[in-house]
Amino acid sequence: MNTTASTPNQHQPNEPAVIRAESGYWPLQLLLGWINLTLTAPVVYLYIGLPLVLRQHGWSGTDIGLLQLAGLPAILKFLLAAPVDRYPLGRAGYRNWSIVLSVVYAALLLFFSRTSLQESPWSFLFTLALSINLLGTWTDVPINALAIRYLPESQRMRAGAIRSAATSLGAIVGGGLMLLLYTRFGWAAPFQVMALALLSGCVLLAFMQRKPLPGVSSEPVQTGINWRLWKAYFTIAGHGKWAILMLFYFPFVGSAWVYMKPLLLDSGLSTERIAMIVGILGGVLAALASLVVARMTKHYGIGQMLSGVAWLNVLALAMLLMFVLAGASATILIAMAILLAIAVGAASGLVFGVMMYFVRPALVALDYGIQSSLFILTRTLMPAVAGVLMDRTGYAGMMGFLVSGALIIAWATISWHQSLTAAMTASSRK
């Protein structure tokens, strides 16, 4: 089976012209990367940084845990995508939606910065956190629809890799740098800085001169969005298999990453050292891995890279299981954490890139929302399942489950290679 030709539309026009055209997309790629980083940092701060702050203010573990439920709107991204396609805001609808939602998002962050933790009831803070998550989730839809509209097929994997790298760096900012800002300057400073970062992206978007691709309108489609359109997405050849693959491609390795901190803590490492290894070094390595995978995809094709990264996930999880069973030292577990970070970055970058192939030209935002909702659903639920297994069977039982799931997905990438490649080829011709 020849997998090197699995990336659709690989004909080669004049090489110097291609290089000039490809380099011309870097400003837009970097702008979208910056915006994705500014969207990610507040959400990460709410989930990773804020619990520490709340604990310092005397909040109970139950209150902090319930506050995490404010992230539920992310699962409803496919519903939030509907009005973006249904109601364009003037010309260049996706750009205008992005700017409007980002401004409201920044306004909520500034409002949060003026909130008193001592005087505000839990229900009020929960509503604010829910609103921030809602706006962050909603803004992500037109931003990534914009990428699909304005970037050619040859740029899709790079866009996915940059989005994944920006998410990893956003985790470093939200989970590390914003905490340092809080300790130095107080409660309001992190929210004010993150709001200004969002507004800087709005200004840059407003002055964006890039035109949509030839033959592709920059306007969202003005047709009714209904259940039949959502259901029809899965009837397109290859889309159902991709949906299943996307549901489980990342969550097994992602769940292992969630529990690396407790595992390293139980092995005797200090909290500060874990924060440096998992929080900062891990985030940097994940970002680099996503960029490297995008580069490799140009040479080996999407189908081969889907299989290759899936087997990298199996390798990372299997080695971690082996060393957990052997009672390995903290030093070896650190090495496994580094390998796992690389697998996490590679898997997420690849999934974000391939998502761009599985969209209908007239329903870009809706189809991106459907895929993103599926991705978030299992990414949210799988760590909960893994946590129950860890409590009942220990780290070894949990890792055994994650390895088994990753093996099934790796097998699926080989079995479904031809149908997925055909679906991407058909999409690129529309």
Protein backbone atom coordinates (compact mmCIF):
# COMPACT_ATOMS: atom_id res chain seq x y z
CA MET A 1 0.00 0.00 0.00
CA ASN A 2 1.49 3.27 -1.12
CA THR A 3 0.84 5.83 1.59
CA THR A 4 3.26 8.49 0.48
CA ALA A 5 0.66 9.91 -1.86
CA SER A 6 -2.08 10.16 0.74
CA THR A 7 -2.12 13.94 0.91
CA PRO A 8 -4.66 15.15 -1.63
CA ASN A 9 -3.69 17.17 -4.65
CA GLN A 10 0.06 16.69 -4.64
CA HIS A 11 0.80 17.90 -8.17
CA GLN A 12 3.83 20.16 -8.32
CA PRO A 13 3.59 23.52 -10.16
CA ASN A 14 6.53 25.83 -10.76
CA GLU A 15 8.73 25.53 -7.65
CA PRO A 16 9.83 29.20 -7.14
CA ALA A 17 6.23 30.35 -7.55
CA VAL A 18 5.10 27.80 -4.97
CA ILE A 19 7.73 28.96 -2.49
CA ARG A 20 6.70 32.60 -2.91
CA ALA A 21 3.02 31.75 -2.53
CA GLU A 22 3.63 29.57 0.51
CA SER A 23 5.71 32.21 2.31
CA GLY A 24 2.98 34.78 1.69
CA TYR A 25 0.66 32.99 4.12
CA TRP A 26 2.96 33.25 7.13
CA PRO A 27 1.55 36.59 8.41
CA LEU A 28 -1.98 35.16 8.46
CA GLN A 29 -0.78 31.87 10.01
CA LEU A 30 1.03 33.73 12.78
CA LEU A 31 -1.96 36.04 13.37
CA LEU A 32 -4.30 33.05 13.73
CA GLY A 33 -1.76 31.38 16.02
CA TRP A 34 -1.59 34.47 18.24
CA ILE A 35 -5.39 34.67 18.44
CA ASN A 36 -5.63 30.98 19.34
CA LEU A 37 -3.07 31.55 22.10
CA THR A 38 -5.06 34.49 23.50
CA LEU A 39 -8.25 32.39 23.41
CA THR A 40 -6.60 29.48 25.21
CA ALA A 41 -4.80 31.29 28.04
CA PRO A 42 -7.93 32.52 29.93
CA VAL A 43 -9.58 29.09 29.82
CA VAL A 44 -6.40 27.39 31.09
CA TYR A 45 -6.09 29.99 33.85
CA LEU A 46 -9.67 29.23 34.94
CA TYR A 47 -8.97 25.49 35.10
CA ILE A 48 -5.36 25.31 36.30
CA GLY A 49 -4.37 28.66 37.80
CA LEU A 50 -7.61 29.79 39.39
CA PRO A 51 -8.13 26.70 41.62
CA LEU A 52 -4.87 27.51 43.40
CA VAL A 53 -5.96 31.13 43.88
CA LEU A 54 -9.39 30.07 45.15
CA ARG A 55 -7.85 27.60 47.57
CA GLN A 56 -5.72 30.40 49.00
CA HIS A 57 -8.95 32.33 49.58
CA GLY A 58 -10.47 29.46 51.56
CA TRP A 59 -12.65 27.79 48.94
CA SER A 60 -13.45 24.12 49.55
CA GLY A 61 -12.38 21.36 47.20
CA THR A 62 -16.03 20.71 46.31
CA ASP A 63 -16.62 24.35 45.35
CA ILE A 64 -13.49 24.38 43.22
CA GLY A 65 -14.42 21.09 41.58
CA LEU A 66 -17.95 22.23 40.75
CA LEU A 67 -16.53 25.39 39.19
CA GLN A 68 -14.87 23.17 36.57
CA LEU A 69 -18.35 22.39 35.23
CA ALA A 70 -18.27 25.89 33.73
CA GLY A 71 -16.37 24.27 30.85
CA LEU A 72 -19.44 22.38 29.64
CA PRO A 73 -20.31 24.91 26.88
CA ALA A 74 -17.28 23.68 24.93
CA ILE A 75 -19.16 20.46 24.15
CA LEU A 76 -21.94 22.50 22.50
CA LYS A 77 -19.66 24.12 19.93
CA PHE A 78 -21.66 22.63 17.05
CA LEU A 79 -24.71 24.60 18.26
CA LEU A 80 -22.71 27.80 18.68
CA ALA A 81 -21.46 27.41 15.09
CA ALA A 82 -24.99 27.57 13.63
CA PRO A 83 -25.59 31.34 14.01
CA VAL A 84 -22.10 32.08 12.64
CA ASP A 85 -23.09 30.45 9.34
CA ARG A 86 -26.71 31.61 9.47
CA TYR A 87 -26.27 35.33 10.24
CA PRO A 88 -23.27 36.98 8.53
CA LEU A 89 -22.23 40.29 10.05
CA GLY A 90 -21.75 42.29 6.86
CA ARG A 91 -18.96 41.54 4.41
CA ALA A 92 -16.18 39.18 5.53
CA GLY A 93 -18.61 37.61 7.98
CA TYR A 94 -16.19 35.23 9.73
CA ARG A 95 -13.73 38.03 10.42
CA ASN A 96 -16.47 40.28 11.78
CA TRP A 97 -17.86 37.50 13.99
CA SER A 98 -14.33 36.90 15.31
CA ILE A 99 -13.84 40.57 16.19
CA VAL A 100 -17.25 41.03 17.86
CA LEU A 101 -16.98 37.87 19.96
CA SER A 102 -13.37 38.66 20.95
CA VAL A 103 -14.38 42.13 22.15
CA VAL A 104 -17.19 40.70 24.29
CA TYR A 105 -14.79 38.03 25.58
CA ALA A 106 -12.26 40.69 26.59
CA ALA A 107 -15.01 42.74 28.26
CA LEU A 108 -16.00 39.74 30.39
CA LEU A 109 -12.38 39.22 31.46
CA LEU A 110 -12.16 42.87 32.51
CA PHE A 111 -15.42 42.53 34.45
CA PHE A 112 -14.03 39.41 36.16
CA SER A 113 -10.94 41.40 37.17
CA ARG A 114 -13.16 43.78 39.17
CA THR A 115 -14.93 40.95 41.04
CA SER A 116 -14.29 40.43 44.74
CA LEU A 117 -13.76 36.80 45.72
CA GLN A 118 -14.64 37.50 49.34
CA GLU A 119 -17.92 39.31 48.63
CA SER A 120 -19.24 37.44 45.56
CA PRO A 121 -21.37 34.30 45.99
CA TRP A 122 -20.32 31.06 44.32
CA SER A 123 -23.27 31.19 41.90
CA PHE A 124 -22.19 34.61 40.61
CA LEU A 125 -18.59 33.51 40.04
CA PHE A 126 -19.80 30.30 38.39
CA THR A 127 -21.99 32.31 36.00
CA LEU A 128 -19.03 34.54 35.12
CA ALA A 129 -16.74 31.56 34.53
CA LEU A 130 -19.47 29.89 32.44
CA SER A 131 -19.81 33.05 30.34
CA ILE A 132 -16.06 33.27 29.78
CA ASN A 133 -15.92 29.63 28.66
CA LEU A 134 -18.93 30.19 26.41
CA LEU A 135 -17.33 33.19 24.71
CA GLY A 136 -13.97 31.44 24.37
CA THR A 137 -15.64 28.42 22.78
CA TRP A 138 -17.82 30.52 20.51
CA THR A 139 -14.98 32.77 19.32
CA ASP A 140 -12.94 29.72 18.36
CA VAL A 141 -15.54 28.81 15.69
CA PRO A 142 -15.25 31.83 13.32
CA ILE A 143 -11.49 32.06 13.92
CA ASN A 144 -10.88 28.55 12.63
CA ALA A 145 -13.55 28.88 9.93
CA LEU A 146 -11.58 31.93 8.82
CA ALA A 147 -8.46 29.79 8.53
CA ILE A 148 -10.28 27.28 6.33
CA ARG A 149 -11.69 30.05 4.10
CA TYR A 150 -8.45 31.98 3.63
CA LEU A 151 -5.76 29.28 3.63
CA PRO A 152 -5.23 26.90 0.71
CA GLU A 153 -5.10 23.14 1.10
CA SER A 154 -1.30 23.16 1.21
CA GLN A 155 -1.43 25.31 4.36
CA ARG A 156 -3.98 23.26 6.32
CA MET A 157 -1.59 20.97 8.17
CA ARG A 158 0.63 23.93 9.05
CA ALA A 159 -2.44 25.80 10.34
CA GLY A 160 -3.40 22.81 12.49
CA ALA A 161 0.14 22.53 13.83
CA ILE A 162 0.33 26.25 14.64
CA ARG A 163 -3.07 26.05 16.33
CA SER A 164 -1.84 23.10 18.44
CA ALA A 165 1.43 24.88 19.25
CA ALA A 166 -0.47 28.03 20.22
CA THR A 167 -2.69 25.93 22.50
CA SER A 168 0.39 24.44 24.18
CA LEU A 169 1.95 27.86 24.64
CA GLY A 170 -1.40 29.19 25.87
CA ALA A 171 -1.31 26.48 28.53
CA ILE A 172 2.11 27.73 29.63
CA VAL A 173 0.85 31.31 29.76
CA GLY A 174 -2.44 30.52 31.50
CA GLY A 175 -1.09 27.86 33.84
CA GLY A 176 2.24 29.47 34.66
CA LEU A 177 2.91 33.08 33.68
CA MET A 178 -0.51 34.34 34.76
CA LEU A 179 -0.03 32.76 38.18
CA LEU A 180 3.28 34.60 38.52
CA LEU A 181 1.50 37.80 37.49
CA TYR A 182 -1.12 37.18 40.19
CA THR A 183 1.49 36.67 42.92
CA ARG A 184 3.28 39.90 41.92
CA PHE A 185 0.41 42.27 41.10
CA GLY A 186 -2.78 40.75 42.52
CA TRP A 187 -6.11 39.35 41.38
CA ALA A 188 -6.94 41.79 38.57
CA ALA A 189 -3.62 41.77 36.67
CA PRO A 190 -3.91 38.39 34.86
CA PHE A 191 -7.42 39.16 33.58
CA GLN A 192 -6.40 42.64 32.41
CA VAL A 193 -3.34 41.34 30.54
CA MET A 194 -5.33 38.54 28.88
CA ALA A 195 -8.06 41.01 27.85
CA LEU A 196 -5.49 43.34 26.26
CA ALA A 197 -3.97 40.39 24.39
CA LEU A 198 -7.40 39.52 22.98
CA LEU A 199 -8.01 43.11 21.90
CA SER A 200 -4.62 43.22 20.14
CA GLY A 201 -5.78 40.29 18.01
CA CYS A 202 -8.97 42.20 17.15
CA VAL A 203 -6.97 45.20 15.95
CA LEU A 204 -4.76 43.00 13.77
CA LEU A 205 -7.80 41.19 12.34
CA ALA A 206 -9.45 44.49 11.49
CA PHE A 207 -6.47 45.46 9.32
CA MET A 208 -6.09 42.03 7.71
CA GLN A 209 -5.78 42.48 3.94
CA ARG A 210 -5.78 38.82 2.87
CA LYS A 211 -8.55 37.91 0.41
CA PRO A 212 -10.48 34.62 0.46
CA LEU A 213 -9.36 31.83 -1.83
CA PRO A 214 -10.40 32.08 -5.50
CA GLY A 215 -13.89 30.66 -5.94
CA VAL A 216 -14.55 30.70 -2.19
CA SER A 217 -16.76 33.37 -0.70
CA SER A 218 -15.70 35.05 2.54
CA GLU A 219 -19.36 35.25 3.55
CA PRO A 220 -20.98 32.61 5.76
CA VAL A 221 -23.83 30.86 3.99
CA GLN A 222 -27.26 32.41 4.63
CA THR A 223 -29.35 29.26 4.76
CA GLY A 224 -31.25 27.77 7.64
CA ILE A 225 -29.20 25.54 9.93
CA ASN A 226 -31.13 22.52 11.18
CA TRP A 227 -30.75 19.00 12.48
CA ARG A 228 -30.79 17.53 8.97
CA LEU A 229 -27.63 19.45 8.07
CA TRP A 230 -25.88 18.14 11.19
CA LYS A 231 -27.03 14.59 10.45
CA ALA A 232 -26.06 14.88 6.77
CA TYR A 233 -22.45 15.57 7.75
CA PHE A 234 -22.02 11.95 8.89
CA THR A 235 -23.54 10.49 5.71
CA ILE A 236 -20.73 11.85 3.51
CA ALA A 237 -18.30 9.12 2.50
CA GLY A 238 -15.48 8.80 5.02
CA HIS A 239 -16.85 11.39 7.46
CA GLY A 240 -18.37 8.82 9.81
CA LYS A 241 -15.09 6.92 10.10
CA TRP A 242 -13.18 10.16 10.64
CA ALA A 243 -15.65 11.15 13.38
CA ILE A 244 -15.00 7.87 15.22
CA LEU A 245 -11.24 8.22 14.76
CA MET A 246 -11.29 11.83 15.93
CA LEU A 247 -13.30 10.92 19.02
CA PHE A 248 -10.58 8.58 20.30
CA TYR A 249 -7.34 9.53 18.51
CA PHE A 250 -6.22 12.00 21.19
CA PRO A 251 -8.06 11.26 24.48
CA PHE A 252 -6.06 8.14 25.49
CA VAL A 253 -2.70 9.90 25.34
CA GLY A 254 -4.30 13.13 26.57
CA SER A 255 -5.69 11.38 29.67
CA ALA A 256 -2.26 9.95 30.47
CA TRP A 257 -0.87 13.48 30.29
CA VAL A 258 -3.50 14.70 32.79
CA TYR A 259 -2.34 12.12 35.35
CA MET A 260 1.39 12.59 34.82
CA LYS A 261 1.49 15.27 37.55
CA PRO A 262 -0.07 13.02 40.24
CA LEU A 263 2.17 10.14 39.12
CA LEU A 264 5.34 12.23 39.40
CA LEU A 265 4.16 13.68 42.72
CA ASP A 266 3.62 10.16 44.09
CA SER A 267 7.11 9.23 42.91
CA GLY A 268 8.60 11.85 45.21
CA LEU A 269 9.16 14.87 42.97
CA SER A 270 8.49 18.33 44.36
CA THR A 271 5.60 20.44 43.09
CA GLU A 272 7.97 23.07 41.70
CA ARG A 273 9.96 20.52 39.72
CA ILE A 274 6.78 18.94 38.33
CA ALA A 275 5.54 22.38 37.26
CA MET A 276 8.81 22.98 35.40
CA ILE A 277 8.85 19.55 33.72
CA VAL A 278 5.19 18.99 32.90
CA GLY A 279 3.92 22.56 32.79
CA ILE A 280 6.68 24.43 30.96
CA LEU A 281 9.04 21.91 29.33
CA GLY A 282 6.15 19.63 28.40
CA GLY A 283 4.23 22.50 26.82
CA VAL A 284 7.24 23.62 24.78
CA LEU A 285 7.95 20.08 23.56
CA ALA A 286 4.29 19.55 22.64
CA ALA A 287 4.32 22.78 20.62
CA LEU A 288 7.51 21.78 18.79
CA ALA A 289 6.18 18.28 18.10
CA SER A 290 3.04 19.65 16.45
CA LEU A 291 5.16 21.83 14.14
CA VAL A 292 7.49 18.95 13.25
CA VAL A 293 4.52 16.69 12.42
CA ALA A 294 3.13 19.33 10.04
CA ARG A 295 6.50 19.44 8.29
CA MET A 296 6.71 15.66 8.06
CA THR A 297 3.18 15.42 6.67
CA LYS A 298 4.32 17.23 3.51
CA HIS A 299 6.81 14.43 2.84
CA TYR A 300 4.95 11.34 4.05
CA GLY A 301 1.28 12.23 3.51
CA ILE A 302 -1.58 12.54 5.95
CA GLY A 303 -2.56 8.86 5.92
CA GLN A 304 0.91 7.64 6.81
CA MET A 305 1.32 10.28 9.50
CA LEU A 306 -2.04 9.38 11.08
CA SER A 307 -0.81 5.81 11.45
CA GLY A 308 2.69 6.82 12.53
CA VAL A 309 1.55 9.18 15.29
CA ALA A 310 -1.07 6.65 16.45
CA TRP A 311 1.70 4.08 16.94
CA LEU A 312 3.81 6.75 18.69
CA ASN A 313 0.91 7.12 21.14
CA VAL A 314 0.90 3.35 21.69
CA LEU A 315 4.67 3.34 22.24
CA ALA A 316 4.57 6.20 24.78
CA LEU A 317 1.69 4.66 26.74
CA ALA A 318 3.09 1.11 26.64
CA MET A 319 6.52 2.24 27.88
CA LEU A 320 4.91 4.26 30.65
CA LEU A 321 2.85 1.22 31.68
CA MET A 322 5.97 -0.97 31.66
CA PHE A 323 7.91 1.37 33.93
CA VAL A 324 4.93 1.88 36.26
CA LEU A 325 4.68 -1.91 36.67
CA ALA A 326 8.43 -2.08 37.29
CA GLY A 327 8.29 0.63 39.96
CA ALA A 328 10.74 2.80 38.03
CA SER A 329 12.54 5.76 39.57
CA ALA A 330 11.41 9.35 39.23
CA THR A 331 14.19 9.99 36.70
CA ILE A 332 12.83 7.36 34.30
CA LEU A 333 9.30 8.66 34.78
CA ILE A 334 10.53 12.14 33.83
CA ALA A 335 11.89 10.68 30.59
CA MET A 336 8.50 9.06 29.98
CA ALA A 337 6.79 12.40 30.63
CA ILE A 338 8.95 13.98 27.92
CA LEU A 339 8.05 11.24 25.43
CA LEU A 340 4.39 11.59 26.35
CA ALA A 341 4.51 15.37 25.81
CA ILE A 342 5.87 14.80 22.30
CA ALA A 343 3.06 12.31 21.56
CA VAL A 344 0.43 14.72 22.91
CA GLY A 345 1.66 17.59 20.72
CA ALA A 346 1.96 15.41 17.62
CA ALA A 347 -1.52 13.91 18.03
CA SER A 348 -3.32 17.19 18.69
CA GLY A 349 -1.54 19.03 15.87
CA LEU A 350 -2.41 16.29 13.39
CA VAL A 351 -6.08 16.15 14.42
CA PHE A 352 -6.51 19.93 14.17
CA GLY A 353 -4.95 19.90 10.70
CA VAL A 354 -7.00 17.00 9.33
CA MET A 355 -10.22 18.61 10.63
CA MET A 356 -9.88 21.22 7.89
CA TYR A 357 -10.30 18.58 5.17
CA PHE A 358 -13.60 17.26 6.54
CA VAL A 359 -15.78 20.34 5.96
CA ARG A 360 -18.45 21.25 3.43
CA PRO A 361 -17.50 24.46 1.56
CA ALA A 362 -20.84 26.15 2.29
CA LEU A 363 -20.93 25.11 5.97
CA VAL A 364 -17.38 25.62 7.17
CA ALA A 365 -18.20 26.95 10.64
CA LEU A 366 -20.91 24.35 11.26
CA ASP A 367 -18.71 21.41 10.21
CA TYR A 368 -15.77 22.68 12.23
CA GLY A 369 -18.11 23.05 15.21
CA ILE A 370 -19.35 19.46 14.83
CA GLN A 371 -15.82 18.07 14.75
CA SER A 372 -14.60 20.25 17.58
CA SER A 373 -17.57 19.26 19.78
CA LEU A 374 -16.81 15.57 19.24
CA PHE A 375 -13.14 16.14 20.00
CA ILE A 376 -13.91 18.06 23.21
CA LEU A 377 -16.52 15.54 24.34
CA THR A 378 -14.14 12.60 24.66
CA ARG A 379 -11.22 14.81 25.68
CA THR A 380 -13.38 15.90 28.64
CA LEU A 381 -14.92 12.55 29.56
CA MET A 382 -11.94 10.22 29.08
CA PRO A 383 -9.85 11.69 31.95
CA ALA A 384 -12.86 11.18 34.25
CA VAL A 385 -13.09 7.52 33.23
CA ALA A 386 -9.34 7.14 33.65
CA GLY A 387 -9.52 8.73 37.10
CA VAL A 388 -12.14 6.22 38.26
CA LEU A 389 -9.94 3.39 37.00
CA MET A 390 -6.92 4.86 38.78
CA ASP A 391 -8.80 4.95 42.09
CA ARG A 392 -10.00 1.35 41.67
CA THR A 393 -7.03 -0.35 39.98
CA GLY A 394 -4.08 2.01 40.48
CA TYR A 395 -1.89 3.62 37.84
CA ALA A 396 -1.14 0.27 36.20
CA GLY A 397 -4.83 -0.56 35.63
CA MET A 398 -5.51 2.89 34.24
CA MET A 399 -2.51 2.74 31.91
CA GLY A 400 -3.51 -0.73 30.72
CA PHE A 401 -6.89 0.65 29.67
CA LEU A 402 -5.29 3.60 27.86
CA VAL A 403 -2.80 1.37 26.01
CA SER A 404 -5.62 -0.94 24.87
CA GLY A 405 -7.65 1.98 23.52
CA ALA A 406 -4.65 3.46 21.72
CA LEU A 407 -3.93 0.08 20.10
CA ILE A 408 -7.46 -0.10 18.68
CA ILE A 409 -7.13 3.39 17.21
CA ALA A 410 -3.73 2.59 15.69
CA TRP A 411 -5.29 -0.45 13.99
CA ALA A 412 -8.19 1.70 12.72
CA THR A 413 -5.82 4.20 11.06
CA ILE A 414 -4.43 1.34 8.96
CA SER A 415 -7.78 -0.30 8.20
CA TRP A 416 -9.50 2.96 7.21
CA HIS A 417 -6.56 4.48 5.37
CA GLN A 418 -8.05 4.28 1.86
CA SER A 419 -11.53 5.56 2.73
CA LEU A 420 -10.15 8.51 4.73
CA THR A 421 -7.74 9.42 1.93
CA ALA A 422 -10.56 9.27 -0.63
CA ALA A 423 -12.71 11.55 1.53
CA MET A 424 -9.93 14.13 1.87
CA THR A 425 -9.24 14.01 -1.87
CA ALA A 426 -12.94 14.58 -2.62
CA SER A 427 -13.02 17.51 -0.18
CA SER A 428 -9.99 19.17 -1.77
CA ARG A 429 -11.67 19.10 -5.21
CA LYS A 430 -14.81 20.94 -4.08
